[in-house]
Protein backbone atom coordinates (compact mmCIF):
# COMPACT_ATOMS: atom_id res chain seq x y z
CA UNK A 1 0.00 0.00 0.00
CA UNK A 2 1.41 3.43 -0.99
CA UNK A 3 1.41 6.42 1.31
CA UNK A 4 -1.06 9.16 0.45
CA UNK A 5 0.44 12.39 -0.83
CA UNK A 6 0.50 15.17 1.75
CA UNK A 7 -1.75 18.14 1.06
CA UNK A 8 -1.08 21.72 2.07
CA UNK A 9 -3.53 24.37 3.21
CA UNK A 10 -2.36 27.97 3.50
CA UNK A 11 -4.37 30.21 5.80
CA UNK A 12 -4.13 33.78 4.53
CA UNK A 13 -4.74 36.76 6.78
CA UNK A 14 -4.10 40.47 6.40
CA UNK A 15 -1.20 40.38 8.81
CA UNK A 16 0.21 42.35 11.68
CA UNK A 17 3.66 43.22 12.99
CA UNK A 18 5.03 40.48 15.22
CA UNK A 19 7.26 43.04 16.96
CA UNK A 20 7.78 46.79 16.96
CA UNK A 21 10.58 46.42 14.37
CA UNK A 22 8.05 45.16 11.81
CA UNK A 23 5.47 47.94 12.20
CA UNK A 24 6.70 50.18 9.38
CA UNK A 25 7.18 47.19 7.05
CA UNK A 26 3.63 46.05 7.77
CA UNK A 27 2.20 49.52 7.12
CA UNK A 28 4.24 49.89 3.94
CA UNK A 29 2.89 46.59 2.60
CA UNK A 30 -0.64 47.62 3.60
CA UNK A 31 -0.64 51.06 2.02
CA UNK A 32 1.24 49.89 -1.09
CA UNK A 33 -1.60 47.53 -2.01
CA UNK A 34 -3.67 49.14 -4.83
CA UNK A 35 -6.80 47.29 -3.69
CA UNK A 36 -6.44 48.73 -0.17
CA UNK A 37 -4.91 52.15 -0.80
CA UNK A 38 -7.01 52.87 -3.88
CA UNK A 39 -6.43 56.41 -5.09
CA UNK A 40 -6.87 58.07 -8.52
CA UNK A 41 -3.14 58.77 -8.82
CA UNK A 42 -0.37 57.63 -11.16
CA UNK A 43 1.17 54.47 -9.71
CA UNK A 44 4.57 56.01 -8.94
CA UNK A 45 2.87 58.81 -6.95
CA UNK A 46 0.54 56.40 -5.16
CA UNK A 47 3.48 54.24 -4.03
CA UNK A 48 5.48 57.25 -2.84
CA UNK A 49 2.49 58.53 -0.88
CA UNK A 50 1.91 55.06 0.60
CA UNK A 51 5.48 54.87 1.87
CA UNK A 52 5.28 58.38 3.28
CA UNK A 53 2.06 57.59 5.18
CA UNK A 54 3.52 54.32 6.51
CA UNK A 55 6.58 56.10 7.86
CA UNK A 56 4.53 58.92 9.37
CA UNK A 57 2.01 56.60 11.07
CA UNK A 58 4.52 54.08 12.42
CA UNK A 59 5.41 55.96 15.68
CA UNK A 60 1.75 56.48 16.61
CA UNK A 61 0.83 52.87 15.80
CA UNK A 62 3.85 51.68 17.80
CA UNK A 63 2.43 53.25 20.97
CA UNK A 64 -0.88 51.49 20.43
CA UNK A 65 0.77 48.10 19.97
CA UNK A 66 2.93 48.64 23.05
CA UNK A 67 -0.20 49.22 25.14
CA UNK A 68 -1.66 45.84 24.18
CA UNK A 69 0.90 43.79 26.10
CA UNK A 70 2.13 41.52 23.30
CA UNK A 71 5.76 42.63 23.20
CA UNK A 72 5.19 45.63 20.97
CA UNK A 73 3.50 43.70 18.18
CA UNK A 74 0.17 42.19 17.19
CA UNK A 75 -1.05 38.74 18.26
CA UNK A 76 -2.71 38.15 14.88
CA UNK A 77 0.05 35.95 13.45
CA UNK A 78 0.31 33.75 16.54
CA UNK A 79 -3.48 33.48 16.79
CA UNK A 80 -3.65 32.39 13.14
CA UNK A 81 -0.88 29.85 13.83
CA UNK A 82 -3.01 28.40 16.65
CA UNK A 83 -5.89 28.00 14.21
CA UNK A 84 -3.54 26.34 11.71
CA UNK A 85 -2.33 23.79 14.22
CA UNK A 86 -5.82 22.70 15.24
CA UNK A 87 -7.09 22.72 11.66
CA UNK A 88 -4.18 20.54 10.54
CA UNK A 89 -5.26 17.83 12.97
CA UNK A 90 -8.92 18.05 11.96
CA UNK A 91 -8.16 17.81 8.24
CA UNK A 92 -5.81 14.86 8.65
CA UNK A 93 -8.28 12.99 10.84
CA UNK A 94 -11.35 13.70 8.69
CA UNK A 95 -9.76 12.98 5.30
CA UNK A 96 -7.38 10.15 6.11
CA UNK A 97 -4.76 12.14 4.19
CA UNK A 98 -1.83 13.92 5.83
CA UNK A 99 -2.23 17.70 5.78
CA UNK A 100 0.18 20.51 6.48
CA UNK A 101 -1.44 23.86 7.36
CA UNK A 102 0.72 26.96 6.97
CA UNK A 103 0.13 30.63 7.68
CA UNK A 104 0.75 33.46 5.19
CA UNK A 105 0.14 37.17 5.54
CA UNK A 106 -0.67 39.71 2.83
CA UNK A 107 1.23 42.35 4.80
CA UNK A 108 4.28 41.70 6.93
CA UNK A 109 5.56 38.23 7.75
CA UNK A 110 5.38 35.35 6.95
CA UNK A 111 4.70 36.96 3.60
CA UNK A 112 2.46 35.31 1.02
CA UNK A 113 4.89 36.39 -1.70
CA UNK A 114 7.67 34.17 -0.27
CA UNK A 115 8.81 31.15 -2.30
CA UNK A 116 7.63 28.59 0.27
CA UNK A 117 4.04 29.34 -0.70
CA UNK A 118 3.66 27.52 -4.01
CA UNK A 119 1.15 27.58 -6.85
CA UNK A 120 -2.50 26.79 -5.99
CA UNK A 121 -3.65 23.35 -7.14
CA UNK A 122 -5.76 20.52 -5.71
CA UNK A 123 -2.89 19.60 -3.35
CA UNK A 124 -1.99 23.18 -2.33
CA UNK A 125 -5.00 25.20 -1.27
CA UNK A 126 -5.33 28.81 -0.16
CA UNK A 127 -7.99 29.86 2.35
CA UNK A 128 -8.32 33.63 3.00
CA UNK A 129 -9.68 34.10 6.52
CA UNK A 130 -12.13 36.85 5.57
CA UNK A 131 -15.79 35.87 6.03
CA UNK A 132 -17.06 38.52 3.61
CA UNK A 133 -15.71 39.36 0.16
CA UNK A 134 -14.13 42.78 -0.29
CA UNK A 135 -11.80 44.24 -2.86
CA UNK A 136 -9.48 45.19 0.02
CA UNK A 137 -9.20 41.64 1.39
CA UNK A 138 -10.21 38.70 -0.81
CA UNK A 139 -9.67 40.39 -4.19
CA UNK A 140 -6.37 41.80 -2.94
CA UNK A 141 -5.21 38.29 -1.96
CA UNK A 142 -6.24 36.84 -5.31
CA UNK A 143 -4.42 39.66 -7.11
CA UNK A 144 -1.21 38.97 -5.16
CA UNK A 145 -1.40 35.28 -6.09
CA UNK A 146 -2.22 36.11 -9.71
CA UNK A 147 0.82 38.37 -9.97
CA UNK A 148 2.99 35.70 -8.40
CA UNK A 149 1.80 32.71 -10.45
CA UNK A 150 0.39 34.23 -13.63
CA UNK A 151 -3.19 33.06 -13.07
CA UNK A 152 -6.07 33.75 -10.70
CA UNK A 153 -6.49 30.88 -8.20
CA UNK A 154 -10.28 30.80 -8.52
CA UNK A 155 -11.21 27.58 -10.34
CA UNK A 156 -7.74 26.04 -9.97
CA UNK A 157 -8.86 23.54 -7.35
CA UNK A 158 -6.55 25.32 -4.94
CA UNK A 159 -8.77 28.08 -3.64
CA UNK A 160 -11.25 27.89 -0.75
CA UNK A 161 -13.95 30.56 -1.19
CA UNK A 162 -15.03 33.06 1.44
CA UNK A 163 -17.61 31.65 3.80
CA UNK A 164 -19.61 34.42 5.48
CA UNK A 165 -22.75 33.86 3.39
CA UNK A 166 -23.19 30.17 4.27
CA UNK A 167 -25.93 29.03 6.63
CA UNK A 168 -23.50 26.78 8.51
CA UNK A 169 -21.33 29.78 9.35
CA UNK A 170 -24.39 31.66 10.59
CA UNK A 171 -25.41 28.72 12.77
CA UNK A 172 -22.02 28.21 14.38
CA UNK A 173 -21.52 31.95 14.99
CA UNK A 174 -24.90 32.21 16.73
CA UNK A 175 -23.99 29.15 18.78
CA UNK A 176 -20.66 30.76 19.68
CA UNK A 177 -22.35 33.99 20.85
CA UNK A 178 -24.89 31.99 22.85
CA UNK A 179 -22.14 29.92 24.49
CA UNK A 180 -20.24 33.09 25.33
CA UNK A 181 -23.18 34.60 27.17
CA UNK A 182 -23.98 31.33 28.93
CA UNK A 183 -20.36 30.74 30.06
CA UNK A 184 -19.80 27.61 27.99
CA UNK A 185 -16.65 28.69 26.11
CA UNK A 186 -13.17 27.55 27.12
CA UNK A 187 -11.83 30.85 28.44
CA UNK A 188 -8.17 29.84 28.27
CA UNK A 189 -8.41 29.63 24.46
CA UNK A 190 -9.07 33.37 24.08
CA UNK A 191 -6.87 36.43 24.51
CA UNK A 192 -7.99 38.89 27.20
CA UNK A 193 -11.18 36.91 27.68
CA UNK A 194 -13.92 39.40 28.62
CA UNK A 195 -14.89 38.74 32.22
CA UNK A 196 -17.45 41.55 32.25
CA UNK A 197 -20.98 40.42 31.61
CA UNK A 198 -24.03 42.60 30.99
CA UNK A 199 -25.98 43.53 34.12
CA UNK A 200 -29.15 42.56 32.31
CA UNK A 201 -30.52 39.49 30.56
CA UNK A 202 -28.27 38.94 27.49
CA UNK A 203 -31.39 38.21 25.45
CA UNK A 204 -32.40 41.87 25.75
CA UNK A 205 -29.07 43.44 24.78
CA UNK A 206 -28.37 45.75 21.89
CA UNK A 207 -25.80 43.84 19.83
CA UNK A 208 -23.61 45.86 17.48
CA UNK A 209 -22.10 43.78 14.69
CA UNK A 210 -18.98 45.79 13.91
CA UNK A 211 -17.22 45.17 10.59
CA UNK A 212 -13.95 46.63 9.40
CA UNK A 213 -14.81 49.65 7.30
CA UNK A 214 -13.72 50.25 3.71
CA UNK A 215 -13.62 53.45 1.64
CA UNK A 216 -16.82 54.12 -0.27
CA UNK A 217 -14.64 54.42 -3.37
CA UNK A 218 -14.37 50.61 -3.28
CA UNK A 219 -18.13 50.19 -2.95
CA UNK A 220 -18.66 52.47 -5.95
CA UNK A 221 -16.36 50.19 -7.96
CA UNK A 222 -18.70 47.26 -7.41
CA UNK A 223 -17.54 45.89 -4.06
CA UNK A 224 -20.45 43.93 -2.53
CA UNK A 225 -18.91 44.00 0.94
CA UNK A 226 -21.73 45.90 2.66
CA UNK A 227 -24.30 43.54 1.16
CA UNK A 228 -22.31 40.55 2.37
CA UNK A 229 -21.99 41.95 5.89
CA UNK A 230 -25.76 42.42 5.97
CA UNK A 231 -26.39 38.85 4.79
CA UNK A 232 -24.01 37.51 7.43
CA UNK A 233 -25.62 39.50 10.22
CA UNK A 234 -29.17 38.64 9.16
CA UNK A 235 -28.30 34.94 9.05
CA UNK A 236 -26.63 34.98 12.46
CA UNK A 237 -29.45 36.95 14.07
CA UNK A 238 -32.07 34.56 12.68
CA UNK A 239 -30.20 31.75 14.44
CA UNK A 240 -29.77 33.79 17.63
CA UNK A 241 -33.53 34.29 17.79
CA UNK A 242 -33.83 30.51 18.13
CA UNK A 243 -31.85 30.79 21.37
CA UNK A 244 -34.36 33.33 22.65
CA UNK A 245 -32.54 36.54 21.78
CA UNK A 246 -35.05 39.41 21.63
CA UNK A 247 -32.76 42.42 21.64
CA UNK A 248 -32.01 44.97 18.95
CA UNK A 249 -29.35 44.49 16.29
CA UNK A 250 -27.13 47.08 14.60
CA UNK A 251 -24.50 46.99 11.84
CA UNK A 252 -21.61 49.44 11.91
CA UNK A 253 -18.07 49.89 10.58
CA UNK A 254 -14.83 50.59 12.42
CA UNK A 255 -11.17 51.53 11.82
CA UNK A 256 -11.61 54.43 9.40
CA UNK A 257 -8.33 55.94 8.17
CA UNK A 258 -7.97 59.30 6.41
CA UNK A 259 -10.45 61.99 5.30
CA UNK A 260 -12.22 60.05 2.52
CA UNK A 261 -15.80 58.87 2.98
CA UNK A 262 -16.00 55.32 4.39
CA UNK A 263 -18.79 52.85 5.00
CA UNK A 264 -21.32 54.04 7.57
CA UNK A 265 -22.57 54.22 10.22
CA UNK A 266 -19.27 54.14 12.04
CA UNK A 267 -19.15 52.03 15.18
CA UNK A 268 -18.20 55.14 17.14
CA UNK A 269 -21.37 56.88 15.90
CA UNK A 270 -23.55 53.87 16.64
CA UNK A 271 -22.18 53.25 20.14
CA UNK A 272 -22.44 56.96 21.01
CA UNK A 273 -26.09 56.94 19.97
CA UNK A 274 -26.97 53.76 21.87
CA UNK A 275 -25.02 54.72 24.98
CA UNK A 276 -26.66 58.16 25.07
CA UNK A 277 -29.98 56.34 25.21
CA UNK A 278 -28.83 54.28 28.20
CA UNK A 279 -28.54 50.94 26.40
CA UNK A 280 -26.76 47.76 27.43
CA UNK A 281 -24.32 47.16 24.56
CA UNK A 282 -22.44 44.14 23.25
CA UNK A 283 -20.13 44.29 20.23
CA UNK A 284 -19.32 41.34 17.99
CA UNK A 285 -16.54 41.58 15.34
CA UNK A 286 -18.48 40.28 12.36
CA UNK A 287 -15.64 40.55 9.81
CA UNK A 288 -12.83 39.16 12.01
CA UNK A 289 -12.10 35.54 12.96
CA UNK A 290 -9.03 36.23 15.16
CA UNK A 291 -8.57 38.67 18.01
CA UNK A 292 -6.00 41.39 17.40
CA UNK A 293 -5.62 45.19 17.54
CA UNK A 294 -9.10 46.07 16.25
CA UNK A 295 -10.92 43.68 18.57
CA UNK A 296 -8.81 43.88 21.72
CA UNK A 297 -7.87 47.56 21.71
CA UNK A 298 -10.43 49.34 19.54
CA UNK A 299 -13.49 47.34 20.59
CA UNK A 300 -12.38 46.08 23.98
CA UNK A 301 -10.90 49.32 25.32
CA UNK A 302 -11.85 52.36 23.23
CA UNK A 303 -15.48 51.42 22.57
CA UNK A 304 -15.98 50.33 26.18
CA UNK A 305 -14.67 53.68 27.43
CA UNK A 306 -16.91 55.52 24.95
CA UNK A 307 -19.96 53.56 26.10
CA UNK A 308 -19.44 54.43 29.75
CA UNK A 309 -18.64 58.08 28.96
CA UNK A 310 -21.84 58.48 26.95
CA UNK A 311 -24.08 56.94 29.61
CA UNK A 312 -24.38 53.33 28.48
CA UNK A 313 -25.46 50.96 31.24
CA UNK A 314 -23.00 48.18 30.37
CA UNK A 315 -20.58 47.10 27.65
CA UNK A 316 -19.40 43.64 26.58
CA UNK A 317 -16.86 42.69 23.93
CA UNK A 318 -17.69 39.33 22.38
CA UNK A 319 -14.45 37.56 21.30
CA UNK A 320 -13.61 36.57 17.74
CA UNK A 321 -14.06 32.89 16.87
CA UNK A 322 -10.39 31.99 17.17
CA UNK A 323 -9.90 28.26 17.78
CA UNK A 324 -13.57 27.62 18.52
CA UNK A 325 -13.83 23.97 17.48
CA UNK A 326 -17.10 24.12 15.47
CA UNK A 327 -15.59 26.97 13.43
CA UNK A 328 -12.41 25.08 12.60
CA UNK A 329 -14.43 21.96 11.81
CA UNK A 330 -16.44 24.11 9.42
CA UNK A 331 -13.27 25.44 7.76
CA UNK A 332 -12.09 21.86 7.31
CA UNK A 333 -15.36 20.99 5.57
CA UNK A 334 -15.02 24.06 3.34
CA UNK A 335 -11.48 23.04 2.45
CA UNK A 336 -12.35 19.44 1.58
CA UNK A 337 -15.20 20.64 -0.65
CA UNK A 338 -13.18 23.37 -2.37
CA UNK A 339 -12.17 21.54 -5.55
CA UNK A 340 -15.55 21.76 -7.24
CA UNK A 341 -17.11 24.70 -5.45
CA UNK A 342 -16.34 27.53 -7.87
CA UNK A 343 -16.88 27.58 -11.61
CA UNK A 344 -17.37 31.28 -12.26
CA UNK A 345 -15.63 34.63 -11.66
CA UNK A 346 -16.39 35.67 -8.10
CA UNK A 347 -14.08 38.68 -8.52
CA UNK A 348 -16.41 40.25 -11.09
CA UNK A 349 -19.53 39.13 -9.24
CA UNK A 350 -18.51 40.28 -5.75
CA UNK A 351 -15.76 42.83 -6.38
CA UNK A 352 -16.74 44.56 -9.60
CA UNK A 353 -13.91 43.39 -11.87
CA UNK A 354 -12.16 40.29 -13.15
CA UNK A 355 -8.43 39.92 -12.76
CA UNK A 356 -6.29 39.94 -15.88
CA UNK A 357 -5.68 36.18 -15.90
CA UNK A 358 -9.19 35.04 -14.98
CA UNK A 359 -9.92 31.59 -16.44
CA UNK A 360 -13.64 32.39 -16.64
CA UNK A 361 -13.44 35.45 -18.87
CA UNK A 362 -15.50 35.15 -22.05
């Protein structure tokens, strides 16, 4: 009997500096991406401006990272590595085939452009960890891989599609939120696990589903991100109602950068409004699957402080999914079904344009 060939899954995330020395590199990668830093400028000017902004922002961002208590960097890479380790075991056990799960980042290190990350095919699969499609996340990742390998991964058998629209994801996320409020989660698995609980029945809370914002310029180019966030939230809330949740639900967007118009309402606006009306508030990071700067610092500290300042009765940060077992089991199922799941151009459908080497172009 011959040994089965090992398969490789590469979990792709946006990235974060692992230490203070990587902050400027991370920001430079981030702002150099044309799908993230999308401006109507000649490319050479856009790149120069991106590098200038990265250098200027680095000292301020450094102070924020230092305050988080992770050695001056972000925990995103290590949190993604934890997910990879658990997922590797699930895939190997479920498929009977040996799997290796690696971690790659679009910005910073380990960088997706490195030679160790090889061409997508049925034995080397890429899974971007973004629940909803956006030009700034999923399309950006596909464009990086297209530039590297000369073809878009969609339809290659080596790409696992985004998952935020699926009913199974809605079910497991609602279950996760329910288990959080009923103290059923394994606290040791989560960073800075929120010990505060609402001083009211959780079923009557106002839950704010906070997504990472994007510039409206991307939406005007055909990005369906806001639609996808709404579908995700509606699906999760429908499942939460089955657990008896009767509270109000809100969608908002966080992490705006620069003067341009971004997706609204902002989470700051929404929390200010709810807190001023004396609400009990919980915030769930709908577009994140790992805790990091935006969830731990922005949601967990800044939004909590804002709530109490504005008169809110209580505030709770709901963690990101992290290594929640039903979530990783779900990702394993998505991975094993990836080969035949896409036979059309999702970039055009969800992001407004096909990449140059799309195999589905007419």
